Amino acid sequence: MTVNRYLRMIAGFFIVVSVILSQFHSVNWLYFTAFVGLNLFQSAFTDWCPMITILRKLGVKEG
């Protein structure tokens, strides 16, 4: 898999898990959902995402 596919998979996983946790544990988990969404939004404009940097350092191949 490539960096972009991992990024989409990880972001989707974080969003789904945090929404589930907000229903069963605490509504405050929605702040994490918003953080992930805002991070994706800003990366569209700045072309920089912290998770991509981490994945590159872990040796995941580029798309």
C-alpha atoms as a PDB file:
ATOM      1  CA  MET A   1       0.000   0.000   0.000  1.00  0.00           C
ATOM      2  CA  THR A   2       1.037   3.585  -0.558  1.00  0.00           C
ATOM      3  CA  VAL A   3       1.266   6.552   1.799  1.00  0.00           C
ATOM      4  CA  ASN A   4      -2.020   8.032   0.533  1.00  0.00           C
ATOM      5  CA  ARG A   5      -3.929   4.778   0.979  1.00  0.00           C
ATOM      6  CA  TYR A   6      -2.559   4.344   4.510  1.00  0.00           C
ATOM      7  CA  LEU A   7      -3.480   7.944   5.301  1.00  0.00           C
ATOM      8  CA  ARG A   8      -7.084   7.477   4.188  1.00  0.00           C
ATOM      9  CA  MET A   9      -7.328   4.177   6.067  1.00  0.00           C
ATOM     10  CA  ILE A  10      -5.917   5.606   9.314  1.00  0.00           C
ATOM     11  CA  ALA A  11      -8.051   8.772   9.151  1.00  0.00           C
ATOM     12  CA  GLY A  12     -11.195   6.754   8.481  1.00  0.00           C
ATOM     13  CA  PHE A  13     -10.370   4.381  11.327  1.00  0.00           C
ATOM     14  CA  PHE A  14      -9.771   7.251  13.780  1.00  0.00           C
ATOM     15  CA  ILE A  15     -13.029   8.934  12.803  1.00  0.00           C
ATOM     16  CA  VAL A  16     -15.131   5.771  13.104  1.00  0.00           C
ATOM     17  CA  VAL A  17     -13.573   4.791  16.451  1.00  0.00           C
ATOM     18  CA  SER A  18     -13.956   8.266  17.931  1.00  0.00           C
ATOM     19  CA  VAL A  19     -17.614   8.484  16.848  1.00  0.00           C
ATOM     20  CA  ILE A  20     -18.291   5.079  18.428  1.00  0.00           C
ATOM     21  CA  LEU A  21     -16.487   6.146  21.607  1.00  0.00           C
ATOM     22  CA  SER A  22     -18.539   9.349  21.705  1.00  0.00           C
ATOM     23  CA  GLN A  23     -21.715   7.257  21.763  1.00  0.00           C
ATOM     24  CA  PHE A  24     -20.611   4.772  24.413  1.00  0.00           C
ATOM     25  CA  HIS A  25     -18.047   6.610  26.542  1.00  0.00           C
ATOM     26  CA  SER A  26     -17.991  10.402  26.316  1.00  0.00           C
ATOM     27  CA  VAL A  27     -19.219  13.035  23.890  1.00  0.00           C
ATOM     28  CA  ASN A  28     -15.801  14.677  24.211  1.00  0.00           C
ATOM     29  CA  TRP A  29     -14.422  12.131  21.729  1.00  0.00           C
ATOM     30  CA  LEU A  30     -16.036  14.248  19.019  1.00  0.00           C
ATOM     31  CA  TYR A  31     -13.230  16.760  19.565  1.00  0.00           C
ATOM     32  CA  PHE A  32     -10.825  14.118  18.290  1.00  0.00           C
ATOM     33  CA  THR A  33     -13.074  13.565  15.267  1.00  0.00           C
ATOM     34  CA  ALA A  34     -12.979  17.301  14.581  1.00  0.00           C
ATOM     35  CA  PHE A  35      -9.184  17.337  14.990  1.00  0.00           C
ATOM     36  CA  VAL A  36      -8.763  14.607  12.367  1.00  0.00           C
ATOM     37  CA  GLY A  37     -11.160  16.367   9.983  1.00  0.00           C
ATOM     38  CA  LEU A  38      -9.493  19.750  10.408  1.00  0.00           C
ATOM     39  CA  ASN A  39      -6.084  18.189   9.905  1.00  0.00           C
ATOM     40  CA  LEU A  40      -7.245  16.655   6.619  1.00  0.00           C
ATOM     41  CA  PHE A  41      -8.750  19.988   5.610  1.00  0.00           C
ATOM     42  CA  GLN A  42      -5.588  21.986   6.292  1.00  0.00           C
ATOM     43  CA  SER A  43      -3.436  19.418   4.488  1.00  0.00           C
ATOM     44  CA  ALA A  44      -5.415  20.095   1.306  1.00  0.00           C
ATOM     45  CA  PHE A  45      -4.145  23.694   1.372  1.00  0.00           C
ATOM     46  CA  THR A  46      -0.668  23.299   2.866  1.00  0.00           C
ATOM     47  CA  ASP A  47       0.249  19.935   1.303  1.00  0.00           C
ATOM     48  CA  TRP A  48       1.584  18.831   4.712  1.00  0.00           C
ATOM     49  CA  CYS A  49       0.109  16.226   7.030  1.00  0.00           C
ATOM     50  CA  PRO A  50       1.802  14.934  10.201  1.00  0.00           C
ATOM     51  CA  MET A  51       0.657  11.356   9.547  1.00  0.00           C
ATOM     52  CA  ILE A  52       2.247  11.374   6.078  1.00  0.00           C
ATOM     53  CA  THR A  53       5.522  12.480   7.658  1.00  0.00           C
ATOM     54  CA  ILE A  54       5.299   9.606  10.149  1.00  0.00           C
ATOM     55  CA  LEU A  55       4.446   7.060   7.448  1.00  0.00           C
ATOM     56  CA  ARG A  56       7.367   8.211   5.278  1.00  0.00           C
ATOM     57  CA  LYS A  57       9.763   7.812   8.217  1.00  0.00           C
ATOM     58  CA  LEU A  58       8.391   4.296   8.720  1.00  0.00           C
ATOM     59  CA  GLY A  59       9.374   3.504   5.139  1.00  0.00           C
ATOM     60  CA  VAL A  60       5.955   3.326   3.471  1.00  0.00           C
ATOM     61  CA  LYS A  61       6.350   3.745  -0.278  1.00  0.00           C
ATOM     62  CA  GLU A  62       5.056   6.759  -2.156  1.00  0.00           C
ATOM     63  CA  GLY A  63       2.123   6.572  -4.544  1.00  0.00           C
END
